[in-house]
Every structure is written in structure tokens, then in C-alpha cells.
């Protein structure tokens, strides 16, 4: 068994242990209301848990390889997951049913994130790209390129601008603009520290960003 542990943040004491995954757990995430947890594992499964009791609620099956990430939509109703099988799956959180499968990558998909308005998904992949998807229909919108190695993480800022990505090339990249704006602004090699003047001003307090190192 590969347990999940809940801890009391103030005291550092363990609260409970959640047992169920047969292989290493890759990620765990809370629902927006704090009542449930979702976990993703190398055993190809996503498990939903009742946080207060630690009891399992349901298991989501469908991926054909290790599940690398899982993310809740802002309203908590939909889960997005990524896998080494090269797909992204959207799930109905209430019943565990698959809503749709997003395909378009040539390699493993490591991370997925919802935009704050839940209209757009961003995903990060082994093929060095970030894909933006229209969440409602599962169609790709744009491909963001620039990383020189696998992209392992993506995250939207709370206001939806910018999108941040991290990769095995040792860089973090900020992609300026809102989710809608990114569709129009996508460029090759948009780099952290080479942002437009107004973005440098916003994040670094100066119209000139620090140089790339």
C-alpha cells in the first residue's frame, strides 16, 4: 500500500492515513469546499476520498498508464487528469463518469490546470509544449512553444494572467495575458525575464526585466 497522510498544520501531528493505492501516489488535491480529496497514482487510478473520515468515495478508471496529475475545476464539479498514456481525461466528480478524453500529444502529459473562469485548460507535456484547450468541448485552442525540455508543470495566476510553466530545461516561463489573450498572443520562446515592458513593471516593479541567465 502507498498511503496518503493528513496532517494538522499547526502541530505537525498526523490526523489520519488513507489507504487504497497500490503504487506511488503522484499528487493529491482538495476540492474547493475542502470536503473531499482526489489522488492520482502510478496504479493508473484516481481515487476520491471523504476528507473528514478518510473513507474512499469512488475510484476512477480509464487511463492506461500512470496518472501524473489531477485538478479540480473552480466549481469542484469536474476533474481533469493527465497520464503517461498521452491523454487528458475529464471526469464528473459526483459520479466518476468520464465526460471526454482530450488527445493531441505525441508523448506523456505531466500536468494540467484550469483557468480561474473554468473556460480553458492548460496542459504540459513530454513533447516540450503546452496546449490550451476549450474545456467545454475538449478542443485544442493553441500550442505554446519555447521550453527546451519536457514541460512538467503549469499553473494559472488567480486572476488568469499570466500562465506559468516549468520544465526540465531549468526555466520557468510566464505567458502574458488572460486565457483568451493567450490564444492571440502565443509566440515561440516567450520567456520569463523577456516579457513586455508592462508585464515587467507588473511583476518586477521595473520596465526592464532581469536578464536571462
N, C-alpha and C. Protein backbone atom coordinates (compact mmCIF):
# COMPACT_ATOMS: atom_id res chain seq x y z
N UNK A 1 0.84 -1.20 0.00
CA UNK A 1 0.00 0.00 0.00
C UNK A 1 0.87 1.25 0.00
N UNK A 2 0.38 2.30 -0.64
CA UNK A 2 1.06 3.59 -0.69
C UNK A 2 0.12 4.63 -0.09
N UNK A 3 0.28 4.93 1.19
CA UNK A 3 -0.72 5.74 1.90
C UNK A 3 -0.64 7.22 1.59
N UNK A 4 -1.77 7.88 1.84
CA UNK A 4 -1.86 9.34 1.86
C UNK A 4 -2.06 9.72 3.32
N UNK A 5 -1.34 10.72 3.78
CA UNK A 5 -1.45 11.12 5.18
C UNK A 5 -1.99 12.55 5.28
N UNK A 6 -2.90 12.75 6.18
CA UNK A 6 -3.40 14.08 6.51
C UNK A 6 -2.76 14.53 7.82
N UNK A 7 -2.35 15.81 7.83
CA UNK A 7 -1.60 16.34 8.97
C UNK A 7 -2.27 17.59 9.52
N UNK A 8 -2.15 17.79 10.81
CA UNK A 8 -2.59 19.03 11.45
C UNK A 8 -1.49 20.06 11.22
N UNK A 9 -1.81 21.10 10.46
CA UNK A 9 -0.77 22.04 10.04
C UNK A 9 -0.11 22.76 11.21
N UNK A 10 -0.89 23.12 12.21
CA UNK A 10 -0.33 23.90 13.33
C UNK A 10 0.60 23.08 14.22
N UNK A 11 0.23 21.82 14.48
CA UNK A 11 1.01 21.00 15.40
C UNK A 11 1.97 20.05 14.70
N UNK A 12 1.69 19.78 13.41
CA UNK A 12 2.51 18.81 12.69
C UNK A 12 2.18 17.38 13.02
N UNK A 13 1.09 17.16 13.74
CA UNK A 13 0.70 15.81 14.12
C UNK A 13 -0.15 15.16 13.03
N UNK A 14 0.01 13.85 12.81
CA UNK A 14 -0.82 13.16 11.82
C UNK A 14 -2.27 13.08 12.28
N UNK A 15 -3.19 13.25 11.34
CA UNK A 15 -4.62 13.15 11.64
C UNK A 15 -5.17 11.79 11.25
N UNK A 16 -4.86 11.36 10.01
CA UNK A 16 -5.33 10.05 9.56
C UNK A 16 -4.53 9.62 8.35
N UNK A 17 -4.63 8.34 8.04
CA UNK A 17 -3.95 7.76 6.90
C UNK A 17 -4.98 7.15 5.96
N UNK A 18 -4.86 7.47 4.67
CA UNK A 18 -5.79 6.98 3.66
C UNK A 18 -5.09 5.87 2.87
N UNK A 19 -5.68 4.69 2.88
CA UNK A 19 -5.10 3.52 2.24
C UNK A 19 -5.95 3.11 1.04
N UNK A 20 -5.27 2.78 -0.07
CA UNK A 20 -6.02 2.29 -1.22
C UNK A 20 -5.17 2.13 -2.47
N UNK A 21 -4.25 3.06 -2.72
CA UNK A 21 -3.41 2.96 -3.91
C UNK A 21 -2.37 1.85 -3.75
N UNK A 22 -2.14 1.14 -4.85
CA UNK A 22 -1.20 0.02 -4.85
C UNK A 22 0.21 0.43 -5.26
N UNK A 23 0.35 1.60 -5.88
CA UNK A 23 1.64 2.10 -6.34
C UNK A 23 1.79 3.56 -5.91
N UNK A 24 2.96 4.16 -6.11
CA UNK A 24 3.19 5.52 -5.61
C UNK A 24 2.13 6.52 -6.03
N UNK A 25 1.79 7.40 -5.09
CA UNK A 25 0.83 8.48 -5.32
C UNK A 25 1.58 9.68 -5.89
N UNK A 26 1.11 10.20 -7.02
CA UNK A 26 1.80 11.29 -7.71
C UNK A 26 1.35 12.66 -7.23
N UNK A 27 0.09 12.79 -6.88
CA UNK A 27 -0.43 14.10 -6.49
C UNK A 27 -1.73 13.92 -5.71
N UNK A 28 -2.02 14.85 -4.84
CA UNK A 28 -3.29 14.89 -4.13
C UNK A 28 -3.79 16.33 -4.14
N UNK A 29 -5.09 16.51 -4.29
CA UNK A 29 -5.65 17.86 -4.36
C UNK A 29 -6.99 17.90 -3.64
N UNK A 30 -7.27 19.05 -3.05
CA UNK A 30 -8.53 19.27 -2.32
C UNK A 30 -9.62 19.77 -3.26
N UNK A 31 -10.85 19.45 -2.93
CA UNK A 31 -11.98 20.10 -3.58
C UNK A 31 -12.09 21.52 -3.06
N UNK A 32 -12.70 22.44 -3.82
CA UNK A 32 -12.79 23.83 -3.36
C UNK A 32 -13.47 24.00 -2.01
N UNK A 33 -14.42 23.11 -1.69
CA UNK A 33 -15.11 23.24 -0.40
C UNK A 33 -14.38 22.52 0.74
N UNK A 34 -13.26 21.87 0.45
CA UNK A 34 -12.47 21.21 1.47
C UNK A 34 -13.05 19.91 2.00
N UNK A 35 -14.09 19.40 1.35
CA UNK A 35 -14.76 18.20 1.88
C UNK A 35 -14.20 16.91 1.31
N UNK A 36 -13.61 16.97 0.12
CA UNK A 36 -13.10 15.75 -0.49
C UNK A 36 -11.69 15.96 -1.02
N UNK A 37 -10.98 14.85 -1.19
CA UNK A 37 -9.65 14.84 -1.77
C UNK A 37 -9.68 13.97 -3.01
N UNK A 38 -8.84 14.32 -3.98
CA UNK A 38 -8.62 13.47 -5.15
C UNK A 38 -7.13 13.14 -5.20
N UNK A 39 -6.81 11.89 -5.46
CA UNK A 39 -5.42 11.47 -5.55
C UNK A 39 -5.20 10.72 -6.85
N UNK A 40 -3.98 10.86 -7.40
CA UNK A 40 -3.61 10.21 -8.66
C UNK A 40 -2.37 9.37 -8.42
N UNK A 41 -2.30 8.21 -9.08
CA UNK A 41 -1.26 7.25 -8.75
C UNK A 41 -0.70 6.54 -9.98
N UNK A 42 0.47 5.94 -9.77
CA UNK A 42 1.07 5.09 -10.80
C UNK A 42 0.26 3.82 -11.04
N UNK A 43 -0.71 3.53 -10.18
CA UNK A 43 -1.56 2.35 -10.39
C UNK A 43 -2.67 2.61 -11.42
N UNK A 44 -2.57 3.77 -12.11
CA UNK A 44 -3.49 4.14 -13.20
C UNK A 44 -4.85 4.61 -12.71
N UNK A 45 -4.99 4.80 -11.43
CA UNK A 45 -6.29 5.15 -10.87
C UNK A 45 -6.28 6.53 -10.23
N UNK A 46 -7.47 7.11 -10.18
CA UNK A 46 -7.74 8.32 -9.40
C UNK A 46 -8.74 7.91 -8.33
N UNK A 47 -8.45 8.28 -7.11
CA UNK A 47 -9.36 7.95 -6.01
C UNK A 47 -9.89 9.23 -5.37
N UNK A 48 -11.15 9.21 -5.04
CA UNK A 48 -11.79 10.31 -4.32
C UNK A 48 -12.04 9.87 -2.88
N UNK A 49 -11.77 10.79 -1.95
CA UNK A 49 -11.84 10.47 -0.53
C UNK A 49 -12.67 11.50 0.22
N UNK A 50 -13.36 11.03 1.26
CA UNK A 50 -14.04 11.92 2.19
C UNK A 50 -13.00 12.41 3.19
N UNK A 51 -12.72 13.72 3.18
CA UNK A 51 -11.59 14.24 3.94
C UNK A 51 -11.77 14.08 5.45
N UNK A 52 -12.97 14.29 5.95
CA UNK A 52 -13.19 14.26 7.40
C UNK A 52 -13.01 12.86 7.99
N UNK A 53 -13.44 11.85 7.24
CA UNK A 53 -13.38 10.48 7.75
C UNK A 53 -12.22 9.67 7.18
N UNK A 54 -11.70 10.12 6.03
CA UNK A 54 -10.66 9.37 5.35
C UNK A 54 -11.17 8.18 4.58
N UNK A 55 -12.49 8.07 4.45
CA UNK A 55 -13.07 6.93 3.75
C UNK A 55 -13.07 7.16 2.23
N UNK A 56 -12.81 6.09 1.45
CA UNK A 56 -12.87 6.22 -0.01
C UNK A 56 -14.30 6.42 -0.49
N UNK A 57 -14.46 7.28 -1.49
CA UNK A 57 -15.78 7.54 -2.07
C UNK A 57 -15.97 6.79 -3.38
N UNK A 58 -14.98 6.89 -4.26
CA UNK A 58 -15.06 6.17 -5.53
C UNK A 58 -13.68 6.12 -6.18
N UNK A 59 -13.54 5.22 -7.13
CA UNK A 59 -12.30 5.07 -7.89
C UNK A 59 -12.60 5.29 -9.36
N UNK A 60 -11.76 6.10 -10.00
CA UNK A 60 -11.94 6.44 -11.41
C UNK A 60 -10.94 5.65 -12.24
N UNK A 61 -11.47 4.85 -13.17
CA UNK A 61 -10.67 4.01 -14.05
C UNK A 61 -10.75 4.54 -15.47
N UNK A 62 -9.67 4.41 -16.21
CA UNK A 62 -9.72 4.80 -17.63
C UNK A 62 -8.34 5.01 -18.24
N UNK A 63 -7.44 5.60 -17.49
CA UNK A 63 -6.09 5.81 -18.00
C UNK A 63 -5.38 4.46 -18.16
N UNK A 64 -4.49 4.40 -19.16
CA UNK A 64 -3.79 3.17 -19.47
C UNK A 64 -2.34 3.17 -18.98
N UNK A 65 -1.96 4.18 -18.25
CA UNK A 65 -0.62 4.28 -17.68
C UNK A 65 -0.70 5.16 -16.44
N UNK A 66 0.43 5.39 -15.79
CA UNK A 66 0.47 6.19 -14.56
C UNK A 66 -0.27 7.51 -14.73
N UNK A 67 -1.07 7.86 -13.73
CA UNK A 67 -1.75 9.16 -13.71
C UNK A 67 -0.84 10.15 -13.00
N UNK A 68 -0.49 11.22 -13.71
CA UNK A 68 0.54 12.14 -13.21
C UNK A 68 -0.03 13.34 -12.46
N UNK A 69 -1.24 13.76 -12.81
CA UNK A 69 -1.80 14.93 -12.14
C UNK A 69 -3.32 14.87 -12.18
N UNK A 70 -3.94 15.56 -11.24
CA UNK A 70 -5.38 15.71 -11.22
C UNK A 70 -5.68 17.11 -10.71
N UNK A 71 -6.67 17.77 -11.32
CA UNK A 71 -7.02 19.14 -10.95
C UNK A 71 -8.53 19.29 -10.94
N UNK A 72 -9.04 19.98 -9.94
CA UNK A 72 -10.47 20.26 -9.82
C UNK A 72 -10.80 21.55 -10.57
N UNK A 73 -11.95 21.56 -11.22
CA UNK A 73 -12.45 22.81 -11.78
C UNK A 73 -12.78 23.75 -10.63
N UNK A 74 -12.82 25.07 -10.89
CA UNK A 74 -13.09 26.02 -9.80
C UNK A 74 -14.39 25.77 -9.05
N UNK A 75 -15.40 25.22 -9.72
CA UNK A 75 -16.65 24.92 -9.02
C UNK A 75 -16.65 23.54 -8.38
N UNK A 76 -15.58 22.78 -8.59
CA UNK A 76 -15.45 21.47 -7.96
C UNK A 76 -16.20 20.35 -8.63
N UNK A 77 -16.91 20.63 -9.71
CA UNK A 77 -17.78 19.62 -10.32
C UNK A 77 -17.07 18.71 -11.30
N UNK A 78 -15.94 19.16 -11.82
CA UNK A 78 -15.23 18.40 -12.85
C UNK A 78 -13.78 18.20 -12.46
N UNK A 79 -13.27 17.02 -12.73
CA UNK A 79 -11.86 16.71 -12.53
C UNK A 79 -11.18 16.59 -13.88
N UNK A 80 -9.96 17.09 -13.97
CA UNK A 80 -9.12 16.87 -15.14
C UNK A 80 -7.90 16.08 -14.69
N UNK A 81 -7.51 15.08 -15.47
CA UNK A 81 -6.35 14.27 -15.11
C UNK A 81 -5.46 14.08 -16.32
N UNK A 82 -4.16 13.88 -16.07
CA UNK A 82 -3.21 13.62 -17.14
C UNK A 82 -2.45 12.35 -16.83
N UNK A 83 -1.88 11.76 -17.90
CA UNK A 83 -1.27 10.45 -17.74
C UNK A 83 -0.09 10.26 -18.68
N UNK A 84 0.73 9.28 -18.35
CA UNK A 84 1.80 8.87 -19.25
C UNK A 84 1.25 8.20 -20.50
N UNK A 85 -0.06 7.93 -20.55
CA UNK A 85 -0.65 7.37 -21.77
C UNK A 85 -0.89 8.44 -22.84
N UNK A 86 -0.54 9.72 -22.53
CA UNK A 86 -0.65 10.79 -23.51
C UNK A 86 -2.01 11.43 -23.62
N UNK A 87 -2.90 11.14 -22.70
CA UNK A 87 -4.25 11.71 -22.76
C UNK A 87 -4.54 12.57 -21.53
N UNK A 88 -5.55 13.40 -21.70
CA UNK A 88 -6.17 14.16 -20.61
C UNK A 88 -7.62 13.69 -20.53
N UNK A 89 -8.07 13.39 -19.35
CA UNK A 89 -9.46 12.96 -19.18
C UNK A 89 -10.20 13.94 -18.28
N UNK A 90 -11.43 14.19 -18.65
CA UNK A 90 -12.32 14.99 -17.81
C UNK A 90 -13.37 14.07 -17.21
N UNK A 91 -13.62 14.26 -15.93
CA UNK A 91 -14.49 13.37 -15.18
C UNK A 91 -15.57 14.17 -14.45
N UNK A 92 -16.73 13.58 -14.31
CA UNK A 92 -17.78 14.13 -13.46
C UNK A 92 -17.46 13.75 -12.02
N UNK A 93 -17.19 14.75 -11.18
CA UNK A 93 -16.76 14.45 -9.82
C UNK A 93 -17.85 13.73 -9.01
N UNK A 94 -19.11 14.03 -9.29
CA UNK A 94 -20.20 13.48 -8.48
C UNK A 94 -20.36 11.98 -8.66
N UNK A 95 -20.09 11.48 -9.87
CA UNK A 95 -20.32 10.05 -10.11
C UNK A 95 -19.13 9.30 -10.70
N UNK A 96 -18.05 10.02 -11.01
CA UNK A 96 -16.86 9.37 -11.55
C UNK A 96 -16.93 9.00 -13.01
N UNK A 97 -17.95 9.46 -13.71
CA UNK A 97 -18.09 9.13 -15.13
C UNK A 97 -17.13 9.97 -15.97
N UNK A 98 -16.59 9.35 -17.03
CA UNK A 98 -15.74 10.08 -17.96
C UNK A 98 -16.60 10.98 -18.84
N UNK A 99 -16.27 12.26 -18.88
CA UNK A 99 -17.01 13.21 -19.72
C UNK A 99 -16.43 13.24 -21.13
N UNK A 100 -15.10 13.31 -21.22
CA UNK A 100 -14.44 13.29 -22.53
C UNK A 100 -12.96 13.01 -22.35
N UNK A 101 -12.34 12.59 -23.43
CA UNK A 101 -10.90 12.35 -23.45
C UNK A 101 -10.27 13.29 -24.45
N UNK A 102 -9.27 14.03 -24.01
CA UNK A 102 -8.57 15.01 -24.86
C UNK A 102 -7.28 14.37 -25.37
N UNK A 103 -7.14 14.37 -26.69
CA UNK A 103 -5.97 13.77 -27.30
C UNK A 103 -5.32 14.77 -28.25
N UNK A 104 -4.01 14.72 -28.34
CA UNK A 104 -3.31 15.65 -29.22
C UNK A 104 -1.82 15.68 -28.97
N UNK A 105 -1.38 14.90 -28.00
CA UNK A 105 0.04 14.87 -27.66
C UNK A 105 0.73 13.67 -28.29
N UNK A 106 2.04 13.83 -28.49
CA UNK A 106 2.87 12.75 -29.00
C UNK A 106 3.61 12.02 -27.88
N UNK A 107 3.43 12.47 -26.66
CA UNK A 107 4.11 11.85 -25.53
C UNK A 107 3.31 12.00 -24.26
N UNK A 108 3.92 11.69 -23.15
CA UNK A 108 3.27 11.73 -21.85
C UNK A 108 2.84 13.15 -21.48
N UNK A 109 1.75 13.25 -20.71
CA UNK A 109 1.25 14.54 -20.24
C UNK A 109 1.43 14.57 -18.72
N UNK A 110 2.12 15.62 -18.24
CA UNK A 110 2.54 15.65 -16.85
C UNK A 110 1.68 16.51 -15.93
N UNK A 111 1.05 17.53 -16.47
CA UNK A 111 0.36 18.48 -15.60
C UNK A 111 -0.82 19.10 -16.33
N UNK A 112 -1.83 19.50 -15.55
CA UNK A 112 -3.00 20.17 -16.11
C UNK A 112 -3.49 21.20 -15.10
N UNK A 113 -4.02 22.31 -15.60
CA UNK A 113 -4.53 23.37 -14.72
C UNK A 113 -5.73 24.05 -15.38
N UNK A 114 -6.71 24.38 -14.56
CA UNK A 114 -7.89 25.11 -15.01
C UNK A 114 -7.64 26.61 -14.91
N UNK A 115 -8.11 27.35 -15.89
CA UNK A 115 -8.13 28.80 -15.75
C UNK A 115 -9.16 29.17 -14.68
N UNK A 116 -9.02 30.32 -14.02
CA UNK A 116 -9.95 30.67 -12.94
C UNK A 116 -11.41 30.74 -13.39
N UNK A 117 -11.66 31.05 -14.66
CA UNK A 117 -13.05 31.10 -15.14
C UNK A 117 -13.54 29.75 -15.64
N UNK A 118 -12.69 28.72 -15.56
CA UNK A 118 -13.01 27.34 -15.94
C UNK A 118 -13.27 27.16 -17.43
N UNK A 119 -12.97 28.16 -18.24
CA UNK A 119 -13.21 28.04 -19.67
C UNK A 119 -12.06 27.34 -20.40
N UNK A 120 -10.87 27.41 -19.83
CA UNK A 120 -9.68 26.94 -20.52
C UNK A 120 -8.87 26.01 -19.64
N UNK A 121 -8.34 24.95 -20.25
CA UNK A 121 -7.39 24.07 -19.59
C UNK A 121 -6.01 24.28 -20.22
N UNK A 122 -4.99 24.24 -19.40
CA UNK A 122 -3.62 24.24 -19.90
C UNK A 122 -2.98 22.93 -19.48
N UNK A 123 -2.24 22.31 -20.40
CA UNK A 123 -1.59 21.03 -20.09
C UNK A 123 -0.14 21.08 -20.53
N UNK A 124 0.70 20.32 -19.81
CA UNK A 124 2.14 20.32 -20.05
C UNK A 124 2.59 18.91 -20.40
N UNK A 125 3.55 18.82 -21.33
CA UNK A 125 3.85 17.52 -21.89
C UNK A 125 5.33 17.25 -22.10
N UNK A 126 5.60 15.97 -22.30
CA UNK A 126 6.92 15.47 -22.64
C UNK A 126 7.42 16.05 -23.97
N UNK A 127 6.50 16.44 -24.85
CA UNK A 127 6.91 16.92 -26.18
C UNK A 127 7.33 18.39 -26.18
N UNK A 128 7.55 18.95 -24.97
CA UNK A 128 8.07 20.30 -24.77
C UNK A 128 7.05 21.41 -25.04
N UNK A 129 5.79 21.05 -25.15
CA UNK A 129 4.77 22.05 -25.45
C UNK A 129 3.76 22.16 -24.33
N UNK A 130 3.01 23.26 -24.36
CA UNK A 130 1.83 23.48 -23.53
C UNK A 130 0.66 23.62 -24.49
N UNK A 131 -0.39 22.89 -24.23
CA UNK A 131 -1.60 23.03 -25.04
C UNK A 131 -2.68 23.73 -24.24
N UNK A 132 -3.40 24.64 -24.91
CA UNK A 132 -4.58 25.27 -24.33
C UNK A 132 -5.80 24.62 -24.97
N UNK A 133 -6.77 24.30 -24.14
CA UNK A 133 -7.97 23.58 -24.57
C UNK A 133 -9.22 24.36 -24.19
N UNK A 134 -10.22 24.29 -25.03
CA UNK A 134 -11.54 24.81 -24.66
C UNK A 134 -12.22 23.73 -23.82
N UNK A 135 -12.37 23.99 -22.54
CA UNK A 135 -12.79 22.95 -21.61
C UNK A 135 -14.17 22.38 -21.93
N UNK A 136 -15.09 23.22 -22.38
CA UNK A 136 -16.48 22.79 -22.57
C UNK A 136 -16.60 21.73 -23.66
N UNK A 137 -15.74 21.78 -24.67
CA UNK A 137 -15.86 20.84 -25.78
C UNK A 137 -14.61 19.98 -25.97
N UNK A 138 -13.55 20.27 -25.25
CA UNK A 138 -12.35 19.46 -25.34
C UNK A 138 -11.55 19.66 -26.60
N UNK A 139 -11.68 20.83 -27.23
CA UNK A 139 -10.94 21.10 -28.46
C UNK A 139 -9.70 21.93 -28.17
N UNK A 140 -8.56 21.60 -28.84
CA UNK A 140 -7.35 22.41 -28.64
C UNK A 140 -7.51 23.79 -29.24
N UNK A 141 -6.98 24.79 -28.53
CA UNK A 141 -7.03 26.17 -28.99
C UNK A 141 -5.69 26.62 -29.57
N UNK A 142 -4.62 26.43 -28.81
CA UNK A 142 -3.30 26.88 -29.24
C UNK A 142 -2.23 26.00 -28.61
N UNK A 143 -1.09 25.96 -29.27
CA UNK A 143 0.10 25.31 -28.73
C UNK A 143 1.12 26.38 -28.38
N UNK A 144 1.62 26.34 -27.15
CA UNK A 144 2.65 27.28 -26.70
C UNK A 144 3.99 26.56 -26.69
N UNK A 145 4.96 27.12 -27.39
CA UNK A 145 6.27 26.50 -27.52
C UNK A 145 7.36 27.44 -27.04
N UNK A 146 8.44 26.86 -26.54
CA UNK A 146 9.55 27.66 -26.06
C UNK A 146 10.47 26.89 -25.15
N UNK A 147 9.93 25.97 -24.36
CA UNK A 147 10.77 25.15 -23.49
C UNK A 147 11.68 24.24 -24.33
N UNK A 148 12.86 24.01 -23.81
CA UNK A 148 13.85 23.17 -24.50
C UNK A 148 13.92 21.76 -23.92
N UNK A 149 13.03 21.45 -23.02
CA UNK A 149 12.95 20.12 -22.43
C UNK A 149 11.51 19.83 -22.08
N UNK A 150 11.26 18.69 -21.47
CA UNK A 150 9.90 18.33 -21.10
C UNK A 150 9.29 19.40 -20.19
N UNK A 151 8.02 19.70 -20.41
CA UNK A 151 7.30 20.65 -19.57
C UNK A 151 6.57 19.84 -18.50
N UNK A 152 6.87 20.11 -17.26
CA UNK A 152 6.39 19.26 -16.17
C UNK A 152 5.31 19.89 -15.30
N UNK A 153 5.08 21.21 -15.47
CA UNK A 153 4.12 21.86 -14.58
C UNK A 153 3.53 23.10 -15.24
N UNK A 154 2.24 23.33 -15.01
CA UNK A 154 1.57 24.56 -15.45
C UNK A 154 0.67 25.05 -14.33
N UNK A 155 0.53 26.38 -14.21
CA UNK A 155 -0.33 26.97 -13.19
C UNK A 155 -0.78 28.35 -13.64
N UNK A 156 -2.08 28.62 -13.51
CA UNK A 156 -2.62 29.95 -13.79
C UNK A 156 -2.49 30.81 -12.54
N UNK A 157 -2.24 32.08 -12.72
CA UNK A 157 -2.34 33.01 -11.59
C UNK A 157 -3.81 33.15 -11.21
N UNK A 158 -4.12 33.58 -9.99
CA UNK A 158 -5.52 33.65 -9.55
C UNK A 158 -6.41 34.51 -10.43
N UNK A 159 -5.83 35.53 -11.10
CA UNK A 159 -6.65 36.38 -11.96
C UNK A 159 -6.64 35.90 -13.42
N UNK A 160 -6.01 34.76 -13.68
CA UNK A 160 -5.99 34.22 -15.03
C UNK A 160 -4.91 34.79 -15.92
N UNK A 161 -4.05 35.64 -15.40
CA UNK A 161 -2.94 36.17 -16.17
C UNK A 161 -1.78 36.44 -15.24
N UNK A 162 -0.62 35.92 -15.53
CA UNK A 162 -0.31 35.07 -16.67
C UNK A 162 -0.44 33.59 -16.33
N UNK A 163 -0.09 32.76 -17.31
CA UNK A 163 0.09 31.32 -17.11
C UNK A 163 1.58 31.08 -16.88
N UNK A 164 1.90 30.27 -15.89
CA UNK A 164 3.30 29.92 -15.63
C UNK A 164 3.52 28.46 -15.99
N UNK A 165 4.69 28.17 -16.54
CA UNK A 165 5.06 26.79 -16.85
C UNK A 165 6.48 26.53 -16.40
N UNK A 166 6.74 25.30 -15.97
CA UNK A 166 8.08 24.90 -15.55
C UNK A 166 8.51 23.67 -16.32
N UNK A 167 9.80 23.60 -16.65
CA UNK A 167 10.27 22.49 -17.46
C UNK A 167 11.61 21.95 -17.02
N UNK A 168 11.97 20.82 -17.61
CA UNK A 168 13.24 20.19 -17.29
C UNK A 168 14.43 20.91 -17.93
N UNK A 169 14.16 21.97 -18.68
CA UNK A 169 15.25 22.81 -19.17
C UNK A 169 15.72 23.79 -18.09
N UNK A 170 15.13 23.70 -16.91
CA UNK A 170 15.54 24.53 -15.79
C UNK A 170 14.94 25.92 -15.78
N UNK A 171 13.95 26.19 -16.64
CA UNK A 171 13.34 27.51 -16.69
C UNK A 171 11.88 27.47 -16.25
N UNK A 172 11.43 28.62 -15.79
CA UNK A 172 10.01 28.89 -15.58
C UNK A 172 9.63 29.97 -16.58
N UNK A 173 8.56 29.78 -17.28
CA UNK A 173 8.15 30.76 -18.30
C UNK A 173 6.79 31.34 -17.94
N UNK A 174 6.66 32.63 -18.10
CA UNK A 174 5.40 33.32 -17.91
C UNK A 174 4.86 33.68 -19.28
N UNK A 175 3.61 33.31 -19.50
CA UNK A 175 2.96 33.57 -20.78
C UNK A 175 1.93 34.66 -20.53
N UNK A 176 2.19 35.89 -20.99
CA UNK A 176 1.37 37.03 -20.57
C UNK A 176 -0.05 36.98 -21.11
N UNK A 177 -0.94 37.61 -20.35
CA UNK A 177 -2.30 37.78 -20.82
C UNK A 177 -3.27 36.85 -20.15
N UNK A 178 -4.55 37.07 -20.39
CA UNK A 178 -5.60 36.21 -19.88
C UNK A 178 -5.65 34.95 -20.73
N UNK A 179 -6.51 34.01 -20.33
CA UNK A 179 -6.66 32.79 -21.12
C UNK A 179 -7.08 33.13 -22.54
N UNK A 180 -8.03 34.06 -22.69
CA UNK A 180 -8.44 34.48 -24.03
C UNK A 180 -7.30 35.17 -24.76
N UNK A 181 -6.55 36.00 -24.03
CA UNK A 181 -5.46 36.72 -24.65
C UNK A 181 -4.35 35.80 -25.12
N UNK A 182 -4.12 34.71 -24.36
CA UNK A 182 -3.06 33.78 -24.75
C UNK A 182 -3.33 33.17 -26.11
N UNK A 183 -4.59 32.97 -26.41
CA UNK A 183 -4.93 32.40 -27.71
C UNK A 183 -4.44 33.29 -28.83
N UNK A 184 -4.44 34.58 -28.61
CA UNK A 184 -3.99 35.53 -29.63
C UNK A 184 -2.51 35.84 -29.52
N UNK A 185 -1.93 35.70 -28.32
CA UNK A 185 -0.57 36.18 -28.09
C UNK A 185 0.50 35.09 -28.16
N UNK A 186 0.07 33.82 -28.33
CA UNK A 186 1.04 32.73 -28.28
C UNK A 186 2.18 32.98 -29.27
N UNK A 187 3.39 32.83 -28.79
CA UNK A 187 4.59 33.03 -29.59
C UNK A 187 5.60 31.95 -29.24
N UNK A 188 6.46 31.62 -30.14
CA UNK A 188 7.58 30.75 -29.80
C UNK A 188 8.50 31.49 -28.84
N UNK A 189 9.00 30.72 -27.86
CA UNK A 189 10.04 31.22 -26.96
C UNK A 189 9.65 32.48 -26.21
N UNK A 190 8.41 32.53 -25.69
CA UNK A 190 8.05 33.59 -24.75
C UNK A 190 8.70 33.19 -23.44
N UNK A 191 9.64 33.99 -22.95
CA UNK A 191 10.46 33.57 -21.83
C UNK A 191 10.21 34.42 -20.59
N UNK A 192 10.39 33.75 -19.46
CA UNK A 192 10.50 34.52 -18.22
C UNK A 192 11.70 35.45 -18.36
N UNK A 193 11.53 36.70 -17.94
CA UNK A 193 12.54 37.75 -17.99
C UNK A 193 12.68 38.37 -19.37
N UNK A 194 11.81 38.01 -20.33
CA UNK A 194 11.80 38.73 -21.61
C UNK A 194 10.36 39.12 -21.92
N UNK A 195 9.68 39.60 -20.91
CA UNK A 195 8.28 39.99 -21.05
C UNK A 195 8.17 41.41 -21.59
N UNK A 196 6.98 41.78 -22.10
CA UNK A 196 6.77 43.18 -22.49
C UNK A 196 6.96 44.10 -21.29
N UNK A 197 7.22 45.38 -21.58
CA UNK A 197 7.53 46.34 -20.53
C UNK A 197 6.45 46.40 -19.45
N UNK A 198 5.18 46.38 -19.89
CA UNK A 198 4.12 46.49 -18.90
C UNK A 198 4.07 45.28 -17.97
N UNK A 199 4.44 44.08 -18.49
CA UNK A 199 4.47 42.88 -17.65
C UNK A 199 5.67 42.91 -16.70
N UNK A 200 6.80 43.41 -17.19
CA UNK A 200 7.95 43.57 -16.30
C UNK A 200 7.61 44.51 -15.15
N UNK A 201 6.94 45.61 -15.48
CA UNK A 201 6.53 46.58 -14.47
C UNK A 201 5.62 45.92 -13.43
N UNK A 202 4.72 45.10 -13.93
CA UNK A 202 3.75 44.46 -13.04
C UNK A 202 4.42 43.49 -12.07
N UNK A 203 5.32 42.66 -12.58
CA UNK A 203 5.88 41.57 -11.77
C UNK A 203 7.21 41.92 -11.09
N UNK A 204 7.97 42.87 -11.68
CA UNK A 204 9.27 43.17 -11.13
C UNK A 204 9.43 44.62 -10.67
N UNK A 205 8.37 45.46 -10.91
CA UNK A 205 8.42 46.84 -10.47
C UNK A 205 9.35 47.70 -11.29
N UNK A 206 9.69 47.24 -12.49
CA UNK A 206 10.59 47.99 -13.36
C UNK A 206 10.23 47.69 -14.81
N UNK A 207 10.35 48.67 -15.71
CA UNK A 207 10.04 48.42 -17.11
C UNK A 207 11.08 47.51 -17.77
N UNK A 208 12.20 47.26 -17.11
CA UNK A 208 13.23 46.37 -17.66
C UNK A 208 13.31 45.12 -16.77
N UNK A 209 12.99 43.94 -17.35
CA UNK A 209 13.06 42.70 -16.60
C UNK A 209 14.51 42.30 -16.36
N UNK A 210 14.77 41.51 -15.33
CA UNK A 210 16.12 40.99 -15.14
C UNK A 210 16.56 40.19 -16.35
N UNK A 211 17.84 40.14 -16.63
CA UNK A 211 18.31 39.39 -17.80
C UNK A 211 18.18 37.91 -17.63
N UNK A 212 18.04 37.18 -18.76
CA UNK A 212 18.02 35.73 -18.74
C UNK A 212 19.40 35.23 -18.33
N UNK A 213 19.44 34.23 -17.48
CA UNK A 213 20.72 33.69 -17.02
C UNK A 213 20.90 32.27 -17.54
